[in-house]
């Protein structure tokens, strides 16, 4: 019971942080976050890559996946295993949808690959699992918790925000439906991805 109460409190905190962050965006114009990078080839390249494996369902090559997501220290023999067992692994994610067992079976034997695990689950099931990286976990004050646990708390917090703030998400979608943002393909993206993409710009791109 205490564990559930703790998780619920943390998830509500995540939701509140998102609400507060989004309220501080100047004039509610979320497009301004993206305008600075309209000509940035590295940013556009990553978004194109994301859309190719998530929206177009292009087969993942895990060496490229590791590089594009800047996953540091992952050994070749680890990501080669995913290449060599691609269909079985993807089918397991789709059918079982259990990130705990998947992480224990595939992502913690050589080293802790929790971030890789979470990103892969989102790519395969973008409407059911959010993206995550260390900067986002730190922003939501979850970085000191066991990563898979913190990920599930963040997922719950995102879901609370999505369920309670349809108006904000609709506004973001309307703004990013303008022709100059067509490369984003906003109307095809999951709500999880939309939230993550904004934080990717705010927490990662703005620091580079």
C-alpha atoms as a PDB file:
ATOM      1  CA  UNK A   1       0.000   0.000   0.000  1.00  0.00           C
ATOM      2  CA  UNK A   2       2.761   2.452   0.931  1.00  0.00           C
ATOM      3  CA  UNK A   3       4.519   1.755  -2.356  1.00  0.00           C
ATOM      4  CA  UNK A   4       1.317   2.527  -4.299  1.00  0.00           C
ATOM      5  CA  UNK A   5       0.742   5.737  -2.361  1.00  0.00           C
ATOM      6  CA  UNK A   6       4.341   6.792  -3.018  1.00  0.00           C
ATOM      7  CA  UNK A   7       4.003   6.102  -6.745  1.00  0.00           C
ATOM      8  CA  UNK A   8       0.704   7.991  -6.956  1.00  0.00           C
ATOM      9  CA  UNK A   9       2.200  11.004  -5.197  1.00  0.00           C
ATOM     10  CA  UNK A  10       5.195  10.999  -7.504  1.00  0.00           C
ATOM     11  CA  UNK A  11       2.996  10.584 -10.595  1.00  0.00           C
ATOM     12  CA  UNK A  12       0.864  13.541  -9.526  1.00  0.00           C
ATOM     13  CA  UNK A  13       4.058  15.528  -9.045  1.00  0.00           C
ATOM     14  CA  UNK A  14       5.090  14.695 -12.630  1.00  0.00           C
ATOM     15  CA  UNK A  15       1.706  15.882 -13.892  1.00  0.00           C
ATOM     16  CA  UNK A  16       1.969  19.128 -11.925  1.00  0.00           C
ATOM     17  CA  UNK A  17       5.464  19.834 -13.236  1.00  0.00           C
ATOM     18  CA  UNK A  18       4.257  19.390 -16.838  1.00  0.00           C
ATOM     19  CA  UNK A  19       1.316  21.733 -16.236  1.00  0.00           C
ATOM     20  CA  UNK A  20       3.588  24.359 -14.683  1.00  0.00           C
ATOM     21  CA  UNK A  21       6.230  24.011 -17.414  1.00  0.00           C
ATOM     22  CA  UNK A  22       3.692  24.359 -20.201  1.00  0.00           C
ATOM     23  CA  UNK A  23       2.107  27.393 -18.546  1.00  0.00           C
ATOM     24  CA  UNK A  24       5.448  29.218 -18.615  1.00  0.00           C
ATOM     25  CA  UNK A  25       5.882  28.871 -22.383  1.00  0.00           C
ATOM     26  CA  UNK A  26       5.701  32.400 -23.755  1.00  0.00           C
ATOM     27  CA  UNK A  27       2.204  33.348 -24.971  1.00  0.00           C
ATOM     28  CA  UNK A  28       1.348  29.663 -25.096  1.00  0.00           C
ATOM     29  CA  UNK A  29       3.114  29.551 -28.465  1.00  0.00           C
ATOM     30  CA  UNK A  30       4.725  26.127 -28.471  1.00  0.00           C
ATOM     31  CA  UNK A  31       5.890  26.714 -32.016  1.00  0.00           C
ATOM     32  CA  UNK A  32       8.548  29.134 -30.759  1.00  0.00           C
ATOM     33  CA  UNK A  33      10.331  26.184 -29.157  1.00  0.00           C
ATOM     34  CA  UNK A  34      10.763  24.607 -32.588  1.00  0.00           C
ATOM     35  CA  UNK A  35      11.436  27.705 -34.699  1.00  0.00           C
ATOM     36  CA  UNK A  36      15.076  27.973 -33.651  1.00  0.00           C
ATOM     37  CA  UNK A  37      15.779  24.541 -35.148  1.00  0.00           C
ATOM     38  CA  UNK A  38      13.860  24.734 -38.416  1.00  0.00           C
ATOM     39  CA  UNK A  39      17.165  24.860 -40.314  1.00  0.00           C
ATOM     40  CA  UNK A  40      19.129  22.647 -37.933  1.00  0.00           C
ATOM     41  CA  UNK A  41      20.107  19.567 -39.930  1.00  0.00           C
ATOM     42  CA  UNK A  42      20.969  17.435 -36.886  1.00  0.00           C
ATOM     43  CA  UNK A  43      17.578  18.071 -35.297  1.00  0.00           C
ATOM     44  CA  UNK A  44      15.671  17.448 -38.518  1.00  0.00           C
ATOM     45  CA  UNK A  45      17.693  14.279 -39.130  1.00  0.00           C
ATOM     46  CA  UNK A  46      16.760  12.846 -35.751  1.00  0.00           C
ATOM     47  CA  UNK A  47      13.069  13.633 -36.180  1.00  0.00           C
ATOM     48  CA  UNK A  48      13.145  12.009 -39.626  1.00  0.00           C
ATOM     49  CA  UNK A  49      14.798   8.961 -38.102  1.00  0.00           C
ATOM     50  CA  UNK A  50      12.238   8.781 -35.285  1.00  0.00           C
ATOM     51  CA  UNK A  51       9.353   9.038 -37.733  1.00  0.00           C
ATOM     52  CA  UNK A  52      10.830   6.362 -39.983  1.00  0.00           C
ATOM     53  CA  UNK A  53      11.006   3.704 -37.243  1.00  0.00           C
ATOM     54  CA  UNK A  54       7.864   4.718 -35.331  1.00  0.00           C
ATOM     55  CA  UNK A  55       5.408   6.027 -37.907  1.00  0.00           C
ATOM     56  CA  UNK A  56       6.662   4.244 -41.037  1.00  0.00           C
ATOM     57  CA  UNK A  57       7.691   1.098 -39.116  1.00  0.00           C
ATOM     58  CA  UNK A  58      11.056   0.817 -40.807  1.00  0.00           C
ATOM     59  CA  UNK A  59      13.076  -2.072 -39.400  1.00  0.00           C
ATOM     60  CA  UNK A  60      15.352  -0.981 -36.579  1.00  0.00           C
ATOM     61  CA  UNK A  61      19.087  -1.424 -36.996  1.00  0.00           C
ATOM     62  CA  UNK A  62      20.243  -1.371 -33.413  1.00  0.00           C
ATOM     63  CA  UNK A  63      23.714   0.045 -34.007  1.00  0.00           C
ATOM     64  CA  UNK A  64      22.038   3.064 -35.629  1.00  0.00           C
ATOM     65  CA  UNK A  65      19.381   3.105 -32.905  1.00  0.00           C
ATOM     66  CA  UNK A  66      22.082   3.281 -30.226  1.00  0.00           C
ATOM     67  CA  UNK A  67      23.900   6.058 -32.064  1.00  0.00           C
ATOM     68  CA  UNK A  68      20.843   8.168 -32.856  1.00  0.00           C
ATOM     69  CA  UNK A  69      19.614   8.029 -29.262  1.00  0.00           C
ATOM     70  CA  UNK A  70      23.141   8.727 -27.930  1.00  0.00           C
ATOM     71  CA  UNK A  71      23.073   5.610 -25.733  1.00  0.00           C
ATOM     72  CA  UNK A  72      26.568   5.493 -24.313  1.00  0.00           C
ATOM     73  CA  UNK A  73      28.617   2.391 -23.507  1.00  0.00           C
ATOM     74  CA  UNK A  74      26.309  -0.230 -25.008  1.00  0.00           C
ATOM     75  CA  UNK A  75      28.496  -3.068 -26.299  1.00  0.00           C
ATOM     76  CA  UNK A  76      28.228  -4.295 -29.860  1.00  0.00           C
ATOM     77  CA  UNK A  77      27.503  -7.870 -28.751  1.00  0.00           C
ATOM     78  CA  UNK A  78      24.460  -6.551 -26.835  1.00  0.00           C
ATOM     79  CA  UNK A  79      22.848  -4.595 -29.656  1.00  0.00           C
ATOM     80  CA  UNK A  80      23.877  -7.262 -32.193  1.00  0.00           C
ATOM     81  CA  UNK A  81      21.801  -9.739 -30.189  1.00  0.00           C
ATOM     82  CA  UNK A  82      18.758  -7.539 -30.820  1.00  0.00           C
ATOM     83  CA  UNK A  83      19.560  -7.415 -34.539  1.00  0.00           C
ATOM     84  CA  UNK A  84      19.972 -11.180 -34.741  1.00  0.00           C
ATOM     85  CA  UNK A  85      16.769 -11.923 -32.833  1.00  0.00           C
ATOM     86  CA  UNK A  86      14.741  -9.017 -34.162  1.00  0.00           C
ATOM     87  CA  UNK A  87      11.383 -10.618 -34.903  1.00  0.00           C
ATOM     88  CA  UNK A  88      11.201 -12.613 -31.680  1.00  0.00           C
ATOM     89  CA  UNK A  89      12.075  -9.580 -29.577  1.00  0.00           C
ATOM     90  CA  UNK A  90       9.636  -7.217 -31.297  1.00  0.00           C
ATOM     91  CA  UNK A  91       6.847  -9.792 -31.126  1.00  0.00           C
ATOM     92  CA  UNK A  92       7.472 -10.305 -27.423  1.00  0.00           C
ATOM     93  CA  UNK A  93       7.153  -6.582 -26.757  1.00  0.00           C
ATOM     94  CA  UNK A  94       3.904  -6.379 -28.724  1.00  0.00           C
ATOM     95  CA  UNK A  95       2.320  -9.473 -27.207  1.00  0.00           C
ATOM     96  CA  UNK A  96       3.520  -9.379 -23.595  1.00  0.00           C
ATOM     97  CA  UNK A  97       3.912  -5.627 -23.001  1.00  0.00           C
ATOM     98  CA  UNK A  98       5.779  -6.295 -19.762  1.00  0.00           C
ATOM     99  CA  UNK A  99       8.676  -3.896 -19.443  1.00  0.00           C
ATOM    100  CA  UNK A 100       9.807  -5.362 -16.106  1.00  0.00           C
ATOM    101  CA  UNK A 101      10.344  -8.883 -17.431  1.00  0.00           C
ATOM    102  CA  UNK A 102      11.802  -7.588 -20.696  1.00  0.00           C
ATOM    103  CA  UNK A 103      14.325  -5.465 -18.833  1.00  0.00           C
ATOM    104  CA  UNK A 104      15.351  -8.383 -16.603  1.00  0.00           C
ATOM    105  CA  UNK A 105      15.650 -10.789 -19.520  1.00  0.00           C
ATOM    106  CA  UNK A 106      17.453  -8.573 -22.028  1.00  0.00           C
ATOM    107  CA  UNK A 107      18.669  -5.272 -20.629  1.00  0.00           C
ATOM    108  CA  UNK A 108      20.548  -5.743 -17.387  1.00  0.00           C
ATOM    109  CA  UNK A 109      22.897  -8.682 -17.914  1.00  0.00           C
ATOM    110  CA  UNK A 110      25.888  -6.793 -19.392  1.00  0.00           C
ATOM    111  CA  UNK A 111      25.067  -3.397 -17.867  1.00  0.00           C
ATOM    112  CA  UNK A 112      22.010  -1.392 -16.916  1.00  0.00           C
ATOM    113  CA  UNK A 113      20.311  -0.591 -20.226  1.00  0.00           C
ATOM    114  CA  UNK A 114      17.082   0.721 -18.725  1.00  0.00           C
ATOM    115  CA  UNK A 115      17.005   3.823 -20.936  1.00  0.00           C
ATOM    116  CA  UNK A 116      17.494   1.687 -24.056  1.00  0.00           C
ATOM    117  CA  UNK A 117      14.715  -0.621 -22.880  1.00  0.00           C
ATOM    118  CA  UNK A 118      12.284   2.251 -22.295  1.00  0.00           C
ATOM    119  CA  UNK A 119      13.030   3.879 -25.646  1.00  0.00           C
ATOM    120  CA  UNK A 120      12.532   0.585 -27.456  1.00  0.00           C
ATOM    121  CA  UNK A 121       9.165   0.003 -25.793  1.00  0.00           C
ATOM    122  CA  UNK A 122       8.015   3.440 -26.910  1.00  0.00           C
ATOM    123  CA  UNK A 123       9.182   2.899 -30.482  1.00  0.00           C
ATOM    124  CA  UNK A 124       7.251  -0.367 -30.743  1.00  0.00           C
ATOM    125  CA  UNK A 125       4.208   0.750 -28.697  1.00  0.00           C
ATOM    126  CA  UNK A 126       4.201   4.563 -28.991  1.00  0.00           C
ATOM    127  CA  UNK A 127       0.648   4.993 -27.695  1.00  0.00           C
ATOM    128  CA  UNK A 128       1.233   2.874 -24.602  1.00  0.00           C
ATOM    129  CA  UNK A 129       4.740   3.751 -23.402  1.00  0.00           C
ATOM    130  CA  UNK A 130       6.450   7.159 -23.254  1.00  0.00           C
ATOM    131  CA  UNK A 131      10.001   8.037 -24.145  1.00  0.00           C
ATOM    132  CA  UNK A 132      12.504   8.850 -21.439  1.00  0.00           C
ATOM    133  CA  UNK A 133      16.088   9.943 -20.986  1.00  0.00           C
ATOM    134  CA  UNK A 134      18.195  10.847 -17.989  1.00  0.00           C
ATOM    135  CA  UNK A 135      17.628  14.596 -18.348  1.00  0.00           C
ATOM    136  CA  UNK A 136      13.875  14.104 -18.201  1.00  0.00           C
ATOM    137  CA  UNK A 137      14.073  11.802 -15.181  1.00  0.00           C
ATOM    138  CA  UNK A 138      16.233  14.400 -13.460  1.00  0.00           C
ATOM    139  CA  UNK A 139      13.806  17.190 -14.374  1.00  0.00           C
ATOM    140  CA  UNK A 140      10.939  15.275 -12.775  1.00  0.00           C
ATOM    141  CA  UNK A 141      13.077  14.519  -9.701  1.00  0.00           C
ATOM    142  CA  UNK A 142      13.041  10.789 -10.448  1.00  0.00           C
ATOM    143  CA  UNK A 143      16.700  10.202 -11.289  1.00  0.00           C
ATOM    144  CA  UNK A 144      17.625   8.722  -7.903  1.00  0.00           C
ATOM    145  CA  UNK A 145      14.940   6.026  -8.074  1.00  0.00           C
ATOM    146  CA  UNK A 146      15.480   2.617  -9.694  1.00  0.00           C
ATOM    147  CA  UNK A 147      15.104   3.523 -13.381  1.00  0.00           C
ATOM    148  CA  UNK A 148      12.346   1.117 -14.398  1.00  0.00           C
ATOM    149  CA  UNK A 149      10.336   2.166 -11.344  1.00  0.00           C
ATOM    150  CA  UNK A 150      10.907   5.841 -12.118  1.00  0.00           C
ATOM    151  CA  UNK A 151       9.885   5.186 -15.721  1.00  0.00           C
ATOM    152  CA  UNK A 152       6.575   3.662 -14.654  1.00  0.00           C
ATOM    153  CA  UNK A 153       5.936   6.608 -12.332  1.00  0.00           C
ATOM    154  CA  UNK A 154       6.671   9.009 -15.186  1.00  0.00           C
ATOM    155  CA  UNK A 155       4.361   7.038 -17.475  1.00  0.00           C
ATOM    156  CA  UNK A 156       1.561   7.345 -14.920  1.00  0.00           C
ATOM    157  CA  UNK A 157       2.213  11.077 -14.551  1.00  0.00           C
ATOM    158  CA  UNK A 158       2.107  11.587 -18.325  1.00  0.00           C
ATOM    159  CA  UNK A 159      -1.170   9.688 -18.493  1.00  0.00           C
ATOM    160  CA  UNK A 160      -2.672  11.895 -15.790  1.00  0.00           C
ATOM    161  CA  UNK A 161      -1.635  14.996 -17.712  1.00  0.00           C
ATOM    162  CA  UNK A 162      -2.983  13.650 -21.012  1.00  0.00           C
ATOM    163  CA  UNK A 163      -6.330  12.679 -19.495  1.00  0.00           C
ATOM    164  CA  UNK A 164      -6.813  16.041 -17.784  1.00  0.00           C
ATOM    165  CA  UNK A 165      -5.380  18.448 -20.367  1.00  0.00           C
ATOM    166  CA  UNK A 166      -6.833  17.645 -23.764  1.00  0.00           C
ATOM    167  CA  UNK A 167      -7.206  21.374 -24.458  1.00  0.00           C
ATOM    168  CA  UNK A 168      -3.476  21.977 -24.113  1.00  0.00           C
ATOM    169  CA  UNK A 169      -2.594  19.037 -26.347  1.00  0.00           C
ATOM    170  CA  UNK A 170      -5.127  20.179 -28.955  1.00  0.00           C
ATOM    171  CA  UNK A 171      -3.549  23.636 -28.922  1.00  0.00           C
ATOM    172  CA  UNK A 172      -0.084  22.169 -29.440  1.00  0.00           C
ATOM    173  CA  UNK A 173      -1.345  20.023 -32.314  1.00  0.00           C
ATOM    174  CA  UNK A 174      -3.014  23.011 -33.963  1.00  0.00           C
ATOM    175  CA  UNK A 175       0.132  25.138 -33.758  1.00  0.00           C
ATOM    176  CA  UNK A 176       2.411  22.362 -35.024  1.00  0.00           C
ATOM    177  CA  UNK A 177       0.041  21.617 -37.902  1.00  0.00           C
ATOM    178  CA  UNK A 178       1.329  24.728 -39.697  1.00  0.00           C
ATOM    179  CA  UNK A 179       3.107  24.050 -42.972  1.00  0.00           C
ATOM    180  CA  UNK A 180       6.549  25.000 -41.636  1.00  0.00           C
ATOM    181  CA  UNK A 181       6.346  22.180 -39.086  1.00  0.00           C
ATOM    182  CA  UNK A 182       5.121  19.506 -41.480  1.00  0.00           C
ATOM    183  CA  UNK A 183       8.326  17.473 -41.033  1.00  0.00           C
ATOM    184  CA  UNK A 184       7.195  16.735 -37.463  1.00  0.00           C
ATOM    185  CA  UNK A 185       4.017  14.940 -38.680  1.00  0.00           C
ATOM    186  CA  UNK A 186       2.213  16.095 -35.568  1.00  0.00           C
ATOM    187  CA  UNK A 187      -1.153  14.505 -36.353  1.00  0.00           C
ATOM    188  CA  UNK A 188       0.452  11.065 -36.528  1.00  0.00           C
ATOM    189  CA  UNK A 189       2.289  11.287 -33.209  1.00  0.00           C
ATOM    190  CA  UNK A 190       1.158   9.845 -29.898  1.00  0.00           C
ATOM    191  CA  UNK A 191       0.461  12.214 -27.020  1.00  0.00           C
ATOM    192  CA  UNK A 192       3.421  10.642 -25.222  1.00  0.00           C
ATOM    193  CA  UNK A 193       5.680  11.646 -28.090  1.00  0.00           C
ATOM    194  CA  UNK A 194       4.328  15.206 -28.207  1.00  0.00           C
ATOM    195  CA  UNK A 195       5.133  15.758 -24.531  1.00  0.00           C
ATOM    196  CA  UNK A 196       8.536  14.142 -24.877  1.00  0.00           C
ATOM    197  CA  UNK A 197       9.375  16.145 -27.997  1.00  0.00           C
ATOM    198  CA  UNK A 198       8.744  19.428 -26.207  1.00  0.00           C
ATOM    199  CA  UNK A 199      10.983  18.357 -23.335  1.00  0.00           C
ATOM    200  CA  UNK A 200      13.605  17.134 -25.803  1.00  0.00           C
ATOM    201  CA  UNK A 201      13.809  20.657 -27.193  1.00  0.00           C
ATOM    202  CA  UNK A 202      13.653  22.357 -23.790  1.00  0.00           C
ATOM    203  CA  UNK A 203      16.057  20.090 -21.883  1.00  0.00           C
ATOM    204  CA  UNK A 204      18.352  18.671 -24.545  1.00  0.00           C
ATOM    205  CA  UNK A 205      18.480  20.868 -27.653  1.00  0.00           C
ATOM    206  CA  UNK A 206      18.559  24.145 -25.710  1.00  0.00           C
ATOM    207  CA  UNK A 207      21.668  22.941 -23.860  1.00  0.00           C
ATOM    208  CA  UNK A 208      23.681  22.092 -26.967  1.00  0.00           C
END
